[in-house]
PDB file of all heavy atoms in Angstrom:
ATOM      1  N   TYR A   1     -16.714   9.582  -5.487  1.00  0.00           N
ATOM      2  CA  TYR A   1     -16.711   8.636  -4.380  1.00  0.00           C
ATOM      3  C   TYR A   1     -15.745   9.139  -3.322  1.00  0.00           C
ATOM      4  O   TYR A   1     -14.572   9.396  -3.609  1.00  0.00           O
ATOM      5  CB  TYR A   1     -16.307   7.237  -4.850  1.00  0.00           C
ATOM      6  CG  TYR A   1     -17.385   6.548  -5.652  1.00  0.00           C
ATOM      7  CD1 TYR A   1     -17.416   6.663  -7.040  1.00  0.00           C
ATOM      8  CD2 TYR A   1     -18.378   5.810  -5.023  1.00  0.00           C
ATOM      9  CE1 TYR A   1     -18.412   6.045  -7.785  1.00  0.00           C
ATOM     10  CE2 TYR A   1     -19.372   5.177  -5.761  1.00  0.00           C
ATOM     11  CZ  TYR A   1     -19.387   5.302  -7.132  1.00  0.00           C
ATOM     12  OH  TYR A   1     -20.378   4.696  -7.860  1.00  0.00           O
ATOM     13  N   LEU A   2     -16.250   9.283  -2.124  1.00  0.00           N
ATOM     14  CA  LEU A   2     -15.422   9.783  -1.030  1.00  0.00           C
ATOM     15  C   LEU A   2     -14.607   8.633  -0.452  1.00  0.00           C
ATOM     16  O   LEU A   2     -15.153   7.590  -0.071  1.00  0.00           O
ATOM     17  CB  LEU A   2     -16.310  10.390   0.051  1.00  0.00           C
ATOM     18  CG  LEU A   2     -15.597  11.191   1.142  1.00  0.00           C
ATOM     19  CD1 LEU A   2     -15.013  12.461   0.554  1.00  0.00           C
ATOM     20  CD2 LEU A   2     -16.573  11.542   2.262  1.00  0.00           C
ATOM     21  N   VAL A   3     -13.307   8.813  -0.399  1.00  0.00           N
ATOM     22  CA  VAL A   3     -12.420   7.810   0.190  1.00  0.00           C
ATOM     23  C   VAL A   3     -11.557   8.480   1.243  1.00  0.00           C
ATOM     24  O   VAL A   3     -11.362   9.696   1.242  1.00  0.00           O
ATOM     25  CB  VAL A   3     -11.520   7.133  -0.868  1.00  0.00           C
ATOM     26  CG1 VAL A   3     -12.362   6.395  -1.886  1.00  0.00           C
ATOM     27  CG2 VAL A   3     -10.608   8.156  -1.547  1.00  0.00           C
ATOM     28  N   LYS A   4     -11.071   7.679   2.153  1.00  0.00           N
ATOM     29  CA  LYS A   4     -10.202   8.177   3.216  1.00  0.00           C
ATOM     30  C   LYS A   4      -8.776   7.773   2.882  1.00  0.00           C
ATOM     31  O   LYS A   4      -8.510   6.662   2.431  1.00  0.00           O
ATOM     32  CB  LYS A   4     -10.646   7.604   4.563  1.00  0.00           C
ATOM     33  CG  LYS A   4     -10.055   8.301   5.774  1.00  0.00           C
ATOM     34  CD  LYS A   4     -10.866   7.995   7.044  1.00  0.00           C
ATOM     35  CE  LYS A   4     -11.066   6.523   7.285  1.00  0.00           C
ATOM     36  NZ  LYS A   4     -11.719   6.244   8.574  1.00  0.00           N
ATOM     37  N   ARG A   5      -7.834   8.708   3.110  1.00  0.00           N
ATOM     38  CA  ARG A   5      -6.428   8.456   2.823  1.00  0.00           C
ATOM     39  C   ARG A   5      -5.663   8.265   4.128  1.00  0.00           C
ATOM     40  O   ARG A   5      -5.964   8.878   5.141  1.00  0.00           O
ATOM     41  CB  ARG A   5      -5.821   9.635   2.057  1.00  0.00           C
ATOM     42  CG  ARG A   5      -6.492   9.954   0.726  1.00  0.00           C
ATOM     43  CD  ARG A   5      -6.408   8.813  -0.279  1.00  0.00           C
ATOM     44  NE  ARG A   5      -5.050   8.362  -0.499  1.00  0.00           N
ATOM     45  CZ  ARG A   5      -4.197   8.930  -1.363  1.00  0.00           C
ATOM     46  NH1 ARG A   5      -4.583   9.988  -2.063  1.00  0.00           N
ATOM     47  NH2 ARG A   5      -2.983   8.435  -1.535  1.00  0.00           N
ATOM     48  N   GLY A   6      -4.664   7.404   4.093  1.00  0.00           N
ATOM     49  CA  GLY A   6      -3.852   7.161   5.276  1.00  0.00           C
ATOM     50  C   GLY A   6      -3.555   5.692   5.460  1.00  0.00           C
ATOM     51  O   GLY A   6      -3.735   4.873   4.563  1.00  0.00           O
ATOM     52  N   LYS A   7      -3.111   5.346   6.659  1.00  0.00           N
ATOM     53  CA  LYS A   7      -2.679   3.978   6.946  1.00  0.00           C
ATOM     54  C   LYS A   7      -3.745   3.145   7.642  1.00  0.00           C
ATOM     55  O   LYS A   7      -3.547   1.946   7.878  1.00  0.00           O
ATOM     56  CB  LYS A   7      -1.417   4.012   7.816  1.00  0.00           C
ATOM     57  CG  LYS A   7      -1.603   4.731   9.145  1.00  0.00           C
ATOM     58  CD  LYS A   7      -0.305   4.804   9.930  1.00  0.00           C
ATOM     59  CE  LYS A   7      -0.498   5.523  11.264  1.00  0.00           C
ATOM     60  NZ  LYS A   7       0.753   5.602  12.042  1.00  0.00           N
ATOM     61  N   GLU A   8      -4.887   3.756   7.992  1.00  0.00           N
ATOM     62  CA  GLU A   8      -5.924   3.036   8.723  1.00  0.00           C
ATOM     63  C   GLU A   8      -6.603   1.996   7.834  1.00  0.00           C
ATOM     64  O   GLU A   8      -6.663   2.156   6.615  1.00  0.00           O
ATOM     65  CB  GLU A   8      -6.983   4.013   9.242  1.00  0.00           C
ATOM     66  CG  GLU A   8      -6.452   5.132  10.096  1.00  0.00           C
ATOM     67  CD  GLU A   8      -7.531   6.159  10.406  1.00  0.00           C
ATOM     68  OE1 GLU A   8      -8.719   5.822  10.275  1.00  0.00           O
ATOM     69  OE2 GLU A   8      -7.180   7.290  10.760  1.00  0.00           O
ATOM     70  N   PRO A   9      -7.142   0.919   8.424  1.00  0.00           N
ATOM     71  CA  PRO A   9      -7.917  -0.049   7.642  1.00  0.00           C
ATOM     72  C   PRO A   9      -9.095   0.644   6.965  1.00  0.00           C
ATOM     73  O   PRO A   9      -9.738   1.510   7.547  1.00  0.00           O
ATOM     74  CB  PRO A   9      -8.392  -1.048   8.702  1.00  0.00           C
ATOM     75  CG  PRO A   9      -7.399  -0.932   9.822  1.00  0.00           C
ATOM     76  CD  PRO A   9      -6.992   0.517   9.842  1.00  0.00           C
ATOM     77  N   GLY A  10      -9.354   0.266   5.739  1.00  0.00           N
ATOM     78  CA  GLY A  10     -10.465   0.861   4.998  1.00  0.00           C
ATOM     79  C   GLY A  10     -10.075   2.048   4.151  1.00  0.00           C
ATOM     80  O   GLY A  10     -10.845   2.478   3.290  1.00  0.00           O
ATOM     81  N   THR A  11      -8.877   2.614   4.386  1.00  0.00           N
ATOM     82  CA  THR A  11      -8.427   3.715   3.543  1.00  0.00           C
ATOM     83  C   THR A  11      -8.052   3.183   2.159  1.00  0.00           C
ATOM     84  O   THR A  11      -7.796   1.984   1.983  1.00  0.00           O
ATOM     85  CB  THR A  11      -7.212   4.430   4.143  1.00  0.00           C
ATOM     86  OG1 THR A  11      -6.122   3.483   4.255  1.00  0.00           O
ATOM     87  CG2 THR A  11      -7.532   5.006   5.521  1.00  0.00           C
ATOM     88  N   LEU A  12      -8.004   4.080   1.190  1.00  0.00           N
ATOM     89  CA  LEU A  12      -7.601   3.683  -0.149  1.00  0.00           C
ATOM     90  C   LEU A  12      -6.201   3.082  -0.132  1.00  0.00           C
ATOM     91  O   LEU A  12      -5.959   2.030  -0.735  1.00  0.00           O
ATOM     92  CB  LEU A  12      -7.635   4.902  -1.083  1.00  0.00           C
ATOM     93  CG  LEU A  12      -7.166   4.669  -2.514  1.00  0.00           C
ATOM     94  CD1 LEU A  12      -8.157   3.795  -3.268  1.00  0.00           C
ATOM     95  CD2 LEU A  12      -6.957   5.993  -3.235  1.00  0.00           C
ATOM     96  N   ASP A  13      -5.286   3.719   0.590  1.00  0.00           N
ATOM     97  CA  ASP A  13      -3.896   3.279   0.608  1.00  0.00           C
ATOM     98  C   ASP A  13      -3.738   1.889   1.219  1.00  0.00           C
ATOM     99  O   ASP A  13      -3.112   1.002   0.628  1.00  0.00           O
ATOM    100  CB  ASP A  13      -3.053   4.296   1.380  1.00  0.00           C
ATOM    101  CG  ASP A  13      -3.275   5.711   0.878  1.00  0.00           C
ATOM    102  OD1 ASP A  13      -2.581   6.139  -0.048  1.00  0.00           O
ATOM    103  OD2 ASP A  13      -4.171   6.385   1.424  1.00  0.00           O
ATOM    104  N   ALA A  14      -4.311   1.702   2.407  1.00  0.00           N
ATOM    105  CA  ALA A  14      -4.174   0.417   3.099  1.00  0.00           C
ATOM    106  C   ALA A  14      -4.856  -0.704   2.317  1.00  0.00           C
ATOM    107  O   ALA A  14      -4.354  -1.832   2.253  1.00  0.00           O
ATOM    108  CB  ALA A  14      -4.744   0.523   4.509  1.00  0.00           C
ATOM    109  N   SER A  15      -6.003  -0.416   1.717  1.00  0.00           N
ATOM    110  CA  SER A  15      -6.748  -1.439   0.980  1.00  0.00           C
ATOM    111  C   SER A  15      -6.005  -1.868  -0.278  1.00  0.00           C
ATOM    112  O   SER A  15      -5.950  -3.063  -0.609  1.00  0.00           O
ATOM    113  CB  SER A  15      -8.143  -0.919   0.634  1.00  0.00           C
ATOM    114  OG  SER A  15      -8.880  -0.633   1.804  1.00  0.00           O
ATOM    115  N   LEU A  16      -5.428  -0.912  -1.008  1.00  0.00           N
ATOM    116  CA  LEU A  16      -4.669  -1.280  -2.200  1.00  0.00           C
ATOM    117  C   LEU A  16      -3.425  -2.091  -1.831  1.00  0.00           C
ATOM    118  O   LEU A  16      -3.059  -3.039  -2.537  1.00  0.00           O
ATOM    119  CB  LEU A  16      -4.268  -0.021  -2.968  1.00  0.00           C
ATOM    120  CG  LEU A  16      -5.389   0.763  -3.664  1.00  0.00           C
ATOM    121  CD1 LEU A  16      -4.827   2.004  -4.349  1.00  0.00           C
ATOM    122  CD2 LEU A  16      -6.146  -0.102  -4.657  1.00  0.00           C
ATOM    123  N   ALA A  17      -2.773  -1.714  -0.725  1.00  0.00           N
ATOM    124  CA  ALA A  17      -1.594  -2.457  -0.292  1.00  0.00           C
ATOM    125  C   ALA A  17      -1.961  -3.890   0.080  1.00  0.00           C
ATOM    126  O   ALA A  17      -1.263  -4.846  -0.296  1.00  0.00           O
ATOM    127  CB  ALA A  17      -0.944  -1.748   0.897  1.00  0.00           C
ATOM    128  N   GLU A  18      -3.047  -4.053   0.824  1.00  0.00           N
ATOM    129  CA  GLU A  18      -3.488  -5.393   1.215  1.00  0.00           C
ATOM    130  C   GLU A  18      -3.817  -6.237  -0.014  1.00  0.00           C
ATOM    131  O   GLU A  18      -3.470  -7.416  -0.096  1.00  0.00           O
ATOM    132  CB  GLU A  18      -4.713  -5.279   2.129  1.00  0.00           C
ATOM    133  CG  GLU A  18      -5.160  -6.597   2.763  1.00  0.00           C
ATOM    134  CD  GLU A  18      -6.026  -7.445   1.848  1.00  0.00           C
ATOM    135  OE1 GLU A  18      -6.729  -6.864   0.981  1.00  0.00           O
ATOM    136  OE2 GLU A  18      -5.991  -8.680   1.981  1.00  0.00           O
ATOM    137  N   GLN A  19      -4.458  -5.604  -0.991  1.00  0.00           N
ATOM    138  CA  GLN A  19      -4.823  -6.303  -2.214  1.00  0.00           C
ATOM    139  C   GLN A  19      -3.588  -6.745  -2.990  1.00  0.00           C
ATOM    140  O   GLN A  19      -3.510  -7.874  -3.477  1.00  0.00           O
ATOM    141  CB  GLN A  19      -5.683  -5.375  -3.072  1.00  0.00           C
ATOM    142  CG  GLN A  19      -6.364  -6.053  -4.244  1.00  0.00           C
ATOM    143  CD  GLN A  19      -7.329  -5.105  -4.944  1.00  0.00           C
ATOM    144  OE1 GLN A  19      -7.566  -5.248  -6.143  1.00  0.00           O
ATOM    145  NE2 GLN A  19      -7.866  -4.141  -4.237  1.00  0.00           N
ATOM    146  N   ALA A  20      -2.589  -5.836  -3.108  1.00  0.00           N
ATOM    147  CA  ALA A  20      -1.373  -6.174  -3.836  1.00  0.00           C
ATOM    148  C   ALA A  20      -0.627  -7.325  -3.167  1.00  0.00           C
ATOM    149  O   ALA A  20      -0.172  -8.263  -3.833  1.00  0.00           O
ATOM    150  CB  ALA A  20      -0.475  -4.940  -3.941  1.00  0.00           C
ATOM    151  N   VAL A  21      -0.483  -7.269  -1.846  1.00  0.00           N
ATOM    152  CA  VAL A  21       0.228  -8.313  -1.107  1.00  0.00           C
ATOM    153  C   VAL A  21      -0.517  -9.647  -1.202  1.00  0.00           C
ATOM    154  O   VAL A  21       0.098 -10.711  -1.367  1.00  0.00           O
ATOM    155  CB  VAL A  21       0.422  -7.886   0.360  1.00  0.00           C
ATOM    156  CG1 VAL A  21       0.970  -9.044   1.192  1.00  0.00           C
ATOM    157  CG2 VAL A  21       1.361  -6.683   0.438  1.00  0.00           C
ATOM    158  N   ARG A  22      -1.833  -9.579  -1.107  1.00  0.00           N
ATOM    159  CA  ARG A  22      -2.633 -10.817  -1.202  1.00  0.00           C
ATOM    160  C   ARG A  22      -2.440 -11.500  -2.556  1.00  0.00           C
ATOM    161  O   ARG A  22      -2.465 -12.738  -2.651  1.00  0.00           O
ATOM    162  CB  ARG A  22      -4.101 -10.485  -0.971  1.00  0.00           C
ATOM    163  CG  ARG A  22      -5.061 -11.655  -1.172  1.00  0.00           C
ATOM    164  CD  ARG A  22      -6.444 -11.355  -0.624  1.00  0.00           C
ATOM    165  NE  ARG A  22      -6.931 -10.062  -1.065  1.00  0.00           N
ATOM    166  CZ  ARG A  22      -7.531  -9.847  -2.238  1.00  0.00           C
ATOM    167  NH1 ARG A  22      -7.662 -10.845  -3.091  1.00  0.00           N
ATOM    168  NH2 ARG A  22      -7.979  -8.644  -2.547  1.00  0.00           N
ATOM    169  N   LEU A  23      -2.210 -10.699  -3.599  1.00  0.00           N
ATOM    170  CA  LEU A  23      -2.020 -11.261  -4.932  1.00  0.00           C
ATOM    171  C   LEU A  23      -0.590 -11.741  -5.166  1.00  0.00           C
ATOM    172  O   LEU A  23      -0.296 -12.342  -6.201  1.00  0.00           O
ATOM    173  CB  LEU A  23      -2.386 -10.213  -5.987  1.00  0.00           C
ATOM    174  CG  LEU A  23      -3.877  -9.889  -6.109  1.00  0.00           C
ATOM    175  CD1 LEU A  23      -4.085  -8.655  -6.970  1.00  0.00           C
ATOM    176  CD2 LEU A  23      -4.635 -11.071  -6.696  1.00  0.00           C
ATOM    177  N   GLY A  24       0.306 -11.447  -4.213  1.00  0.00           N
ATOM    178  CA  GLY A  24       1.676 -11.946  -4.321  1.00  0.00           C
ATOM    179  C   GLY A  24       2.741 -10.894  -4.508  1.00  0.00           C
ATOM    180  O   GLY A  24       3.924 -11.236  -4.616  1.00  0.00           O
ATOM    181  N   ALA A  25       2.363  -9.622  -4.536  1.00  0.00           N
ATOM    182  CA  ALA A  25       3.371  -8.568  -4.655  1.00  0.00           C
ATOM    183  C   ALA A  25       4.158  -8.456  -3.360  1.00  0.00           C
ATOM    184  O   ALA A  25       3.650  -8.736  -2.272  1.00  0.00           O
ATOM    185  CB  ALA A  25       2.711  -7.233  -4.990  1.00  0.00           C
ATOM    186  N   GLU A  26       5.408  -8.040  -3.480  1.00  0.00           N
ATOM    187  CA  GLU A  26       6.268  -7.863  -2.309  1.00  0.00           C
ATOM    188  C   GLU A  26       6.352  -6.374  -1.973  1.00  0.00           C
ATOM    189  O   GLU A  26       6.711  -5.557  -2.822  1.00  0.00           O
ATOM    190  CB  GLU A  26       7.666  -8.411  -2.603  1.00  0.00           C
ATOM    191  CG  GLU A  26       8.623  -8.318  -1.422  1.00  0.00           C
ATOM    192  CD  GLU A  26      10.002  -8.859  -1.741  1.00  0.00           C
ATOM    193  OE1 GLU A  26      10.159  -9.497  -2.814  1.00  0.00           O
ATOM    194  OE2 GLU A  26      10.926  -8.619  -0.940  1.00  0.00           O
ATOM    195  N   LEU A  27       6.018  -6.029  -0.743  1.00  0.00           N
ATOM    196  CA  LEU A  27       6.038  -4.642  -0.294  1.00  0.00           C
ATOM    197  C   LEU A  27       7.173  -4.453   0.691  1.00  0.00           C
ATOM    198  O   LEU A  27       7.165  -5.027   1.788  1.00  0.00           O
ATOM    199  CB  LEU A  27       4.699  -4.277   0.353  1.00  0.00           C
ATOM    200  CG  LEU A  27       4.539  -2.850   0.886  1.00  0.00           C
ATOM    201  CD1 LEU A  27       4.771  -1.829  -0.214  1.00  0.00           C
ATOM    202  CD2 LEU A  27       3.161  -2.676   1.519  1.00  0.00           C
ATOM    203  N   ARG A  28       8.166  -3.649   0.315  1.00  0.00           N
ATOM    204  CA  ARG A  28       9.326  -3.399   1.171  1.00  0.00           C
ATOM    205  C   ARG A  28       9.224  -1.990   1.751  1.00  0.00           C
ATOM    206  O   ARG A  28       9.435  -0.999   1.037  1.00  0.00           O
ATOM    207  CB  ARG A  28      10.621  -3.548   0.371  1.00  0.00           C
ATOM    208  CG  ARG A  28      10.834  -4.947  -0.205  1.00  0.00           C
ATOM    209  CD  ARG A  28      12.134  -5.028  -0.991  1.00  0.00           C
ATOM    210  NE  ARG A  28      12.321  -6.349  -1.597  1.00  0.00           N
ATOM    211  CZ  ARG A  28      13.351  -6.669  -2.377  1.00  0.00           C
ATOM    212  NH1 ARG A  28      14.288  -5.740  -2.643  1.00  0.00           N
ATOM    213  NH2 ARG A  28      13.441  -7.874  -2.894  1.00  0.00           N
ATOM    214  N   LEU A  29       8.908  -1.917   3.027  1.00  0.00           N
ATOM    215  CA  LEU A  29       8.763  -0.635   3.696  1.00  0.00           C
ATOM    216  C   LEU A  29      10.107  -0.149   4.227  1.00  0.00           C
ATOM    217  O   LEU A  29      11.042  -0.940   4.409  1.00  0.00           O
ATOM    218  CB  LEU A  29       7.752  -0.763   4.836  1.00  0.00           C
ATOM    219  CG  LEU A  29       6.344  -1.205   4.434  1.00  0.00           C
ATOM    220  CD1 LEU A  29       5.471  -1.384   5.662  1.00  0.00           C
ATOM    221  CD2 LEU A  29       5.708  -0.202   3.475  1.00  0.00           C
ATOM    222  N   SER A  30      10.194   1.138   4.493  1.00  0.00           N
ATOM    223  CA  SER A  30      11.448   1.766   4.942  1.00  0.00           C
ATOM    224  C   SER A  30      12.598   1.415   4.006  1.00  0.00           C
ATOM    225  O   SER A  30      13.725   1.167   4.419  1.00  0.00           O
ATOM    226  CB  SER A  30      11.787   1.330   6.380  1.00  0.00           C
ATOM    227  OG  SER A  30      10.764   1.686   7.275  1.00  0.00           O
ATOM    228  N   ASP A  31      12.303   1.385   2.713  1.00  0.00           N
ATOM    229  CA  ASP A  31      13.276   0.960   1.708  1.00  0.00           C
ATOM    230  C   ASP A  31      13.351   2.019   0.617  1.00  0.00           C
ATOM    231  O   ASP A  31      12.669   1.943  -0.397  1.00  0.00           O
ATOM    232  CB  ASP A  31      12.863  -0.384   1.116  1.00  0.00           C
ATOM    233  CG  ASP A  31      13.898  -0.931   0.147  1.00  0.00           C
ATOM    234  OD1 ASP A  31      15.057  -0.497   0.219  1.00  0.00           O
ATOM    235  OD2 ASP A  31      13.527  -1.777  -0.686  1.00  0.00           O
ATOM    236  N   ARG A  32      14.174   3.005   0.849  1.00  0.00           N
ATOM    237  CA  ARG A  32      14.316   4.111  -0.096  1.00  0.00           C
ATOM    238  C   ARG A  32      15.348   3.747  -1.154  1.00  0.00           C
ATOM    239  O   ARG A  32      16.492   3.440  -0.817  1.00  0.00           O
ATOM    240  CB  ARG A  32      14.737   5.378   0.645  1.00  0.00           C
ATOM    241  CG  ARG A  32      14.869   6.611  -0.217  1.00  0.00           C
ATOM    242  CD  ARG A  32      15.186   7.797   0.651  1.00  0.00           C
ATOM    243  NE  ARG A  32      15.247   9.036  -0.101  1.00  0.00           N
ATOM    244  CZ  ARG A  32      15.418  10.235   0.452  1.00  0.00           C
ATOM    245  NH1 ARG A  32      15.542  10.319   1.776  1.00  0.00           N
ATOM    246  NH2 ARG A  32      15.458  11.313  -0.277  1.00  0.00           N
ATOM    247  N   VAL A  33      14.953   3.770  -2.406  1.00  0.00           N
ATOM    248  CA  VAL A  33      15.869   3.426  -3.486  1.00  0.00           C
ATOM    249  C   VAL A  33      16.287   4.687  -4.228  1.00  0.00           C
ATOM    250  O   VAL A  33      15.475   5.568  -4.495  1.00  0.00           O
ATOM    251  CB  VAL A  33      15.231   2.417  -4.463  1.00  0.00           C
ATOM    252  CG1 VAL A  33      15.019   1.083  -3.795  1.00  0.00           C
ATOM    253  CG2 VAL A  33      13.931   2.947  -5.029  1.00  0.00           C
ATOM    254  N   ARG A  34      17.558   4.767  -4.535  1.00  0.00           N
ATOM    255  CA  ARG A  34      18.098   5.907  -5.270  1.00  0.00           C
ATOM    256  C   ARG A  34      18.156   5.633  -6.768  1.00  0.00           C
ATOM    257  O   ARG A  34      18.206   6.558  -7.572  1.00  0.00           O
ATOM    258  CB  ARG A  34      19.509   6.225  -4.767  1.00  0.00           C
ATOM    259  CG  ARG A  34      19.551   6.727  -3.341  1.00  0.00           C
ATOM    260  CD  ARG A  34      19.117   8.164  -3.249  1.00  0.00           C
ATOM    261  NE  ARG A  34      19.315   8.724  -1.920  1.00  0.00           N
ATOM    262  CZ  ARG A  34      18.990   9.973  -1.598  1.00  0.00           C
ATOM    263  NH1 ARG A  34      18.451  10.763  -2.491  1.00  0.00           N
ATOM    264  NH2 ARG A  34      19.191  10.404  -0.373  1.00  0.00           N
ATOM    265  N   THR A  35      18.182   4.387  -7.121  1.00  0.00           N
ATOM    266  CA  THR A  35      18.300   4.050  -8.533  1.00  0.00           C
ATOM    267  C   THR A  35      17.598   2.720  -8.801  1.00  0.00           C
ATOM    268  O   THR A  35      17.540   1.848  -7.929  1.00  0.00           O
ATOM    269  CB  THR A  35      19.777   3.950  -8.949  1.00  0.00           C
ATOM    270  OG1 THR A  35      19.856   3.631 -10.333  1.00  0.00           O
ATOM    271  CG2 THR A  35      20.507   2.884  -8.150  1.00  0.00           C
ATOM    272  N   LEU A  36      17.046   2.587  -9.990  1.00  0.00           N
ATOM    273  CA  LEU A  36      16.490   1.327 -10.469  1.00  0.00           C
ATOM    274  C   LEU A  36      17.337   0.924 -11.669  1.00  0.00           C
ATOM    275  O   LEU A  36      17.040   1.276 -12.815  1.00  0.00           O
ATOM    276  CB  LEU A  36      15.017   1.494 -10.865  1.00  0.00           C
ATOM    277  CG  LEU A  36      14.034   1.827  -9.736  1.00  0.00           C
ATOM    278  CD1 LEU A  36      12.643   2.079 -10.299  1.00  0.00           C
ATOM    279  CD2 LEU A  36      13.986   0.709  -8.695  1.00  0.00           C
TER     280      LEU A  36
END
């Protein structure tokens, strides 16, 4: 299955992010962590 990668709508990346957020996951951008 051919998919497009990147930040545009319809890409695998953007679609998975939208799905995760819609389900209640928290997405913190520009947030580089050095340790968990």
